[in-house]
Amino acid sequence: MRLPETRDLFARKLDFPVSRDTVVETVGSTELSPPDGESTTIEAVIERAETDEFDSADDLYDTLMMLVGASFIGRRYYDDRGSMPQDDESEVSF
């Protein structure tokens, strides 16, 4: 499952507020597939949370987003704005 799809999964499968144990029992075995790297489960990510209860699907999703590894963030250090020219005489046209 892709990470953005988990919010909908949480809203469909869980009744909020929900405990971390219930999340693990209900959807913990769901595999998360990163764009690059090895997949993991919701359980493996949520077990690192310091929170024992989640108030909403958004709260659980936000926690999941904070705890997933670097393989889920896409291209690291990518800057689509490009670099600015060093020479003041150069013009850039968009």
N, C-alpha and C. Protein backbone atom coordinates (compact mmCIF):
# COMPACT_ATOMS: atom_id res chain seq x y z
N MET A 1 0.84 -1.17 0.00
CA MET A 1 0.00 0.00 0.00
C MET A 1 0.89 1.23 0.00
N ARG A 2 0.50 2.20 -0.79
CA ARG A 2 1.24 3.47 -0.79
C ARG A 2 0.86 4.27 0.45
N LEU A 3 1.78 5.05 0.94
CA LEU A 3 1.59 5.81 2.18
C LEU A 3 0.35 6.73 2.14
N PRO A 4 0.11 7.48 1.05
CA PRO A 4 -1.07 8.35 1.03
C PRO A 4 -2.41 7.61 1.16
N GLU A 5 -2.44 6.34 0.83
CA GLU A 5 -3.68 5.56 0.90
C GLU A 5 -4.04 5.14 2.32
N THR A 6 -3.12 5.30 3.25
CA THR A 6 -3.37 4.83 4.62
C THR A 6 -4.41 5.67 5.35
N ARG A 7 -4.52 6.94 5.05
CA ARG A 7 -5.51 7.79 5.74
C ARG A 7 -6.92 7.25 5.50
N ASP A 8 -7.22 6.87 4.25
CA ASP A 8 -8.53 6.30 3.93
C ASP A 8 -8.72 4.95 4.63
N LEU A 9 -7.67 4.15 4.66
CA LEU A 9 -7.73 2.86 5.36
C LEU A 9 -8.07 3.06 6.82
N PHE A 10 -7.43 4.01 7.46
CA PHE A 10 -7.69 4.28 8.88
C PHE A 10 -9.14 4.71 9.10
N ALA A 11 -9.64 5.58 8.23
CA ALA A 11 -11.01 6.08 8.36
C ALA A 11 -12.04 4.95 8.17
N ARG A 12 -11.74 4.00 7.28
CA ARG A 12 -12.68 2.90 7.01
C ARG A 12 -12.64 1.80 8.08
N LYS A 13 -11.47 1.49 8.59
CA LYS A 13 -11.30 0.31 9.44
C LYS A 13 -11.32 0.58 10.95
N LEU A 14 -11.11 1.83 11.35
CA LEU A 14 -10.95 2.12 12.78
C LEU A 14 -12.00 3.10 13.27
N ASP A 15 -12.38 2.95 14.54
CA ASP A 15 -13.27 3.89 15.21
C ASP A 15 -12.43 4.72 16.16
N PHE A 16 -12.52 6.03 16.04
CA PHE A 16 -11.68 6.95 16.81
C PHE A 16 -12.45 7.55 17.95
N PRO A 17 -11.74 7.84 19.06
CA PRO A 17 -10.32 7.62 19.33
C PRO A 17 -10.02 6.12 19.40
N VAL A 18 -8.76 5.79 19.07
CA VAL A 18 -8.33 4.40 19.00
C VAL A 18 -6.98 4.24 19.67
N SER A 19 -6.79 3.10 20.31
CA SER A 19 -5.51 2.85 20.98
C SER A 19 -4.49 2.32 19.98
N ARG A 20 -3.24 2.45 20.31
CA ARG A 20 -2.17 1.94 19.46
C ARG A 20 -2.31 0.43 19.30
N ASP A 21 -2.68 -0.28 20.36
CA ASP A 21 -2.85 -1.74 20.29
C ASP A 21 -3.94 -2.12 19.29
N THR A 22 -5.03 -1.37 19.26
CA THR A 22 -6.12 -1.65 18.31
C THR A 22 -5.67 -1.39 16.88
N VAL A 23 -4.89 -0.35 16.68
CA VAL A 23 -4.35 -0.06 15.35
C VAL A 23 -3.51 -1.23 14.87
N VAL A 24 -2.64 -1.71 15.74
CA VAL A 24 -1.75 -2.83 15.39
C VAL A 24 -2.57 -4.08 15.09
N GLU A 25 -3.58 -4.37 15.90
CA GLU A 25 -4.40 -5.57 15.70
C GLU A 25 -5.22 -5.49 14.41
N THR A 26 -5.72 -4.30 14.09
CA THR A 26 -6.64 -4.14 12.97
C THR A 26 -5.94 -3.96 11.63
N VAL A 27 -4.95 -3.07 11.57
CA VAL A 27 -4.30 -2.76 10.29
C VAL A 27 -2.78 -2.89 10.34
N GLY A 28 -2.25 -3.38 11.43
CA GLY A 28 -0.81 -3.43 11.63
C GLY A 28 -0.05 -4.26 10.62
N SER A 29 -0.67 -5.30 10.08
CA SER A 29 0.03 -6.17 9.13
C SER A 29 0.05 -5.60 7.70
N THR A 30 -0.61 -4.48 7.48
CA THR A 30 -0.63 -3.86 6.16
C THR A 30 0.77 -3.40 5.79
N GLU A 31 1.22 -3.81 4.62
CA GLU A 31 2.56 -3.43 4.16
C GLU A 31 2.53 -2.07 3.50
N LEU A 32 3.53 -1.28 3.80
CA LEU A 32 3.71 0.04 3.19
C LEU A 32 4.86 -0.05 2.20
N SER A 33 4.61 0.36 0.98
CA SER A 33 5.61 0.28 -0.08
C SER A 33 6.20 1.66 -0.36
N PRO A 34 7.47 1.85 -0.06
CA PRO A 34 8.09 3.13 -0.36
C PRO A 34 8.44 3.24 -1.84
N PRO A 35 8.65 4.45 -2.34
CA PRO A 35 9.07 4.61 -3.73
C PRO A 35 10.44 3.98 -3.99
N ASP A 36 11.26 3.93 -2.95
CA ASP A 36 12.60 3.41 -3.09
C ASP A 36 13.00 2.72 -1.79
N GLY A 37 13.29 1.43 -1.85
CA GLY A 37 13.72 0.74 -0.64
C GLY A 37 12.79 -0.40 -0.28
N GLU A 38 13.02 -0.95 0.90
CA GLU A 38 12.25 -2.10 1.37
C GLU A 38 10.94 -1.66 2.00
N SER A 39 9.92 -2.51 1.82
CA SER A 39 8.63 -2.21 2.43
C SER A 39 8.68 -2.50 3.93
N THR A 40 7.72 -1.94 4.64
CA THR A 40 7.60 -2.15 6.07
C THR A 40 6.12 -2.29 6.39
N THR A 41 5.77 -2.56 7.62
CA THR A 41 4.36 -2.66 8.00
C THR A 41 3.96 -1.46 8.85
N ILE A 42 2.67 -1.23 8.91
CA ILE A 42 2.15 -0.16 9.77
C ILE A 42 2.55 -0.44 11.22
N GLU A 43 2.49 -1.70 11.62
CA GLU A 43 2.87 -2.06 12.98
C GLU A 43 4.30 -1.64 13.30
N ALA A 44 5.23 -1.92 12.40
CA ALA A 44 6.64 -1.59 12.65
C ALA A 44 6.83 -0.08 12.82
N VAL A 45 6.04 0.70 12.11
CA VAL A 45 6.17 2.16 12.21
C VAL A 45 5.48 2.68 13.47
N ILE A 46 4.25 2.24 13.71
CA ILE A 46 3.46 2.74 14.84
C ILE A 46 4.05 2.33 16.19
N GLU A 47 4.75 1.22 16.24
CA GLU A 47 5.37 0.80 17.50
C GLU A 47 6.40 1.81 18.00
N ARG A 48 6.92 2.64 17.11
CA ARG A 48 7.89 3.67 17.51
C ARG A 48 7.23 4.93 18.05
N ALA A 49 5.91 5.01 17.96
CA ALA A 49 5.18 6.20 18.42
C ALA A 49 5.19 6.27 19.94
N GLU A 50 5.27 7.47 20.45
CA GLU A 50 5.22 7.68 21.90
C GLU A 50 3.78 7.79 22.38
N THR A 51 2.84 7.95 21.45
CA THR A 51 1.43 8.11 21.76
C THR A 51 0.76 6.75 21.88
N ASP A 52 -0.09 6.60 22.89
CA ASP A 52 -0.83 5.35 23.08
C ASP A 52 -2.24 5.41 22.50
N GLU A 53 -2.69 6.63 22.12
CA GLU A 53 -4.04 6.79 21.59
C GLU A 53 -4.04 7.85 20.50
N PHE A 54 -4.87 7.63 19.49
CA PHE A 54 -4.99 8.55 18.36
C PHE A 54 -6.43 9.05 18.29
N ASP A 55 -6.59 10.37 18.16
CA ASP A 55 -7.91 10.98 18.20
C ASP A 55 -8.68 10.90 16.89
N SER A 56 -7.97 10.80 15.77
CA SER A 56 -8.64 10.80 14.46
C SER A 56 -7.75 10.11 13.43
N ALA A 57 -8.32 9.85 12.26
CA ALA A 57 -7.55 9.26 11.16
C ALA A 57 -6.42 10.20 10.77
N ASP A 58 -6.68 11.50 10.80
CA ASP A 58 -5.64 12.48 10.47
C ASP A 58 -4.51 12.45 11.49
N ASP A 59 -4.85 12.32 12.75
CA ASP A 59 -3.84 12.24 13.81
C ASP A 59 -2.95 11.01 13.62
N LEU A 60 -3.57 9.87 13.33
CA LEU A 60 -2.81 8.64 13.11
C LEU A 60 -1.95 8.76 11.85
N TYR A 61 -2.51 9.31 10.79
CA TYR A 61 -1.76 9.49 9.54
C TYR A 61 -0.57 10.41 9.74
N ASP A 62 -0.77 11.52 10.45
CA ASP A 62 0.32 12.45 10.72
C ASP A 62 1.44 11.78 11.51
N THR A 63 1.07 10.97 12.49
CA THR A 63 2.06 10.23 13.27
C THR A 63 2.83 9.27 12.38
N LEU A 64 2.12 8.56 11.52
CA LEU A 64 2.76 7.64 10.60
C LEU A 64 3.75 8.37 9.69
N MET A 65 3.34 9.53 9.19
CA MET A 65 4.21 10.31 8.30
C MET A 65 5.49 10.76 9.00
N MET A 66 5.39 11.08 10.27
CA MET A 66 6.57 11.52 11.02
C MET A 66 7.54 10.39 11.30
N LEU A 67 7.03 9.14 11.33
CA LEU A 67 7.85 8.02 11.77
C LEU A 67 8.39 7.13 10.66
N VAL A 68 7.90 7.30 9.43
CA VAL A 68 8.42 6.45 8.34
C VAL A 68 9.86 6.84 8.04
N GLY A 69 10.58 5.94 7.45
CA GLY A 69 11.99 6.16 7.15
C GLY A 69 12.21 7.04 5.93
N ALA A 70 13.48 7.30 5.67
CA ALA A 70 13.88 8.18 4.57
C ALA A 70 13.50 7.62 3.21
N SER A 71 13.30 6.31 3.10
CA SER A 71 12.95 5.72 1.81
C SER A 71 11.56 6.16 1.33
N PHE A 72 10.75 6.74 2.21
CA PHE A 72 9.41 7.18 1.85
C PHE A 72 9.35 8.64 1.38
N ILE A 73 10.45 9.37 1.47
CA ILE A 73 10.38 10.79 1.15
C ILE A 73 10.71 11.11 -0.30
N GLY A 74 11.03 10.11 -1.09
CA GLY A 74 11.32 10.36 -2.50
C GLY A 74 12.77 10.79 -2.69
N ARG A 75 12.99 11.64 -3.67
CA ARG A 75 14.36 12.05 -3.98
C ARG A 75 14.87 13.02 -2.93
N ARG A 76 15.87 12.61 -2.20
CA ARG A 76 16.43 13.45 -1.14
C ARG A 76 17.26 14.57 -1.75
N TYR A 77 17.19 15.73 -1.14
CA TYR A 77 17.96 16.91 -1.52
C TYR A 77 17.62 17.42 -2.92
N TYR A 78 16.47 17.04 -3.45
CA TYR A 78 16.06 17.48 -4.78
C TYR A 78 15.53 18.90 -4.69
N ASP A 79 15.97 19.75 -5.60
CA ASP A 79 15.52 21.13 -5.66
C ASP A 79 15.07 21.42 -7.08
N ASP A 80 13.77 21.53 -7.28
CA ASP A 80 13.27 21.75 -8.63
C ASP A 80 13.33 23.22 -9.06
N ARG A 81 13.81 24.07 -8.20
CA ARG A 81 13.93 25.49 -8.53
C ARG A 81 15.24 25.81 -9.23
N GLY A 82 16.19 24.91 -9.16
CA GLY A 82 17.49 25.16 -9.79
C GLY A 82 18.32 26.13 -8.99
N SER A 83 19.52 26.31 -9.42
CA SER A 83 20.40 27.25 -8.71
C SER A 83 20.42 28.58 -9.44
N MET A 84 20.68 29.61 -8.71
CA MET A 84 20.74 30.96 -9.28
C MET A 84 22.13 31.17 -9.88
N PRO A 85 22.19 31.86 -11.01
CA PRO A 85 23.50 32.12 -11.62
C PRO A 85 24.37 32.99 -10.71
N GLN A 86 25.65 32.72 -10.74
CA GLN A 86 26.60 33.48 -9.93
C GLN A 86 26.94 34.83 -10.55
N ASP A 87 26.81 34.92 -11.84
CA ASP A 87 27.18 36.14 -12.57
C ASP A 87 25.98 37.09 -12.60
N ASP A 88 26.14 38.32 -12.09
CA ASP A 88 25.06 39.28 -12.03
C ASP A 88 24.58 39.72 -13.41
N GLU A 89 25.41 39.58 -14.44
CA GLU A 89 25.06 40.02 -15.78
C GLU A 89 24.16 39.00 -16.49
N SER A 90 24.07 37.80 -15.98
CA SER A 90 23.26 36.78 -16.61
C SER A 90 21.79 37.01 -16.30
N GLU A 91 20.95 36.77 -17.31
CA GLU A 91 19.52 36.88 -17.09
C GLU A 91 18.91 35.50 -17.23
N VAL A 92 17.88 35.29 -16.45
CA VAL A 92 17.17 34.04 -16.53
C VAL A 92 15.76 34.35 -17.01
N SER A 93 15.33 33.67 -18.06
CA SER A 93 14.01 33.87 -18.60
C SER A 93 13.14 32.67 -18.27
N PHE A 94 11.95 32.94 -17.80
CA PHE A 94 11.02 31.86 -17.48
C PHE A 94 9.98 31.83 -18.52
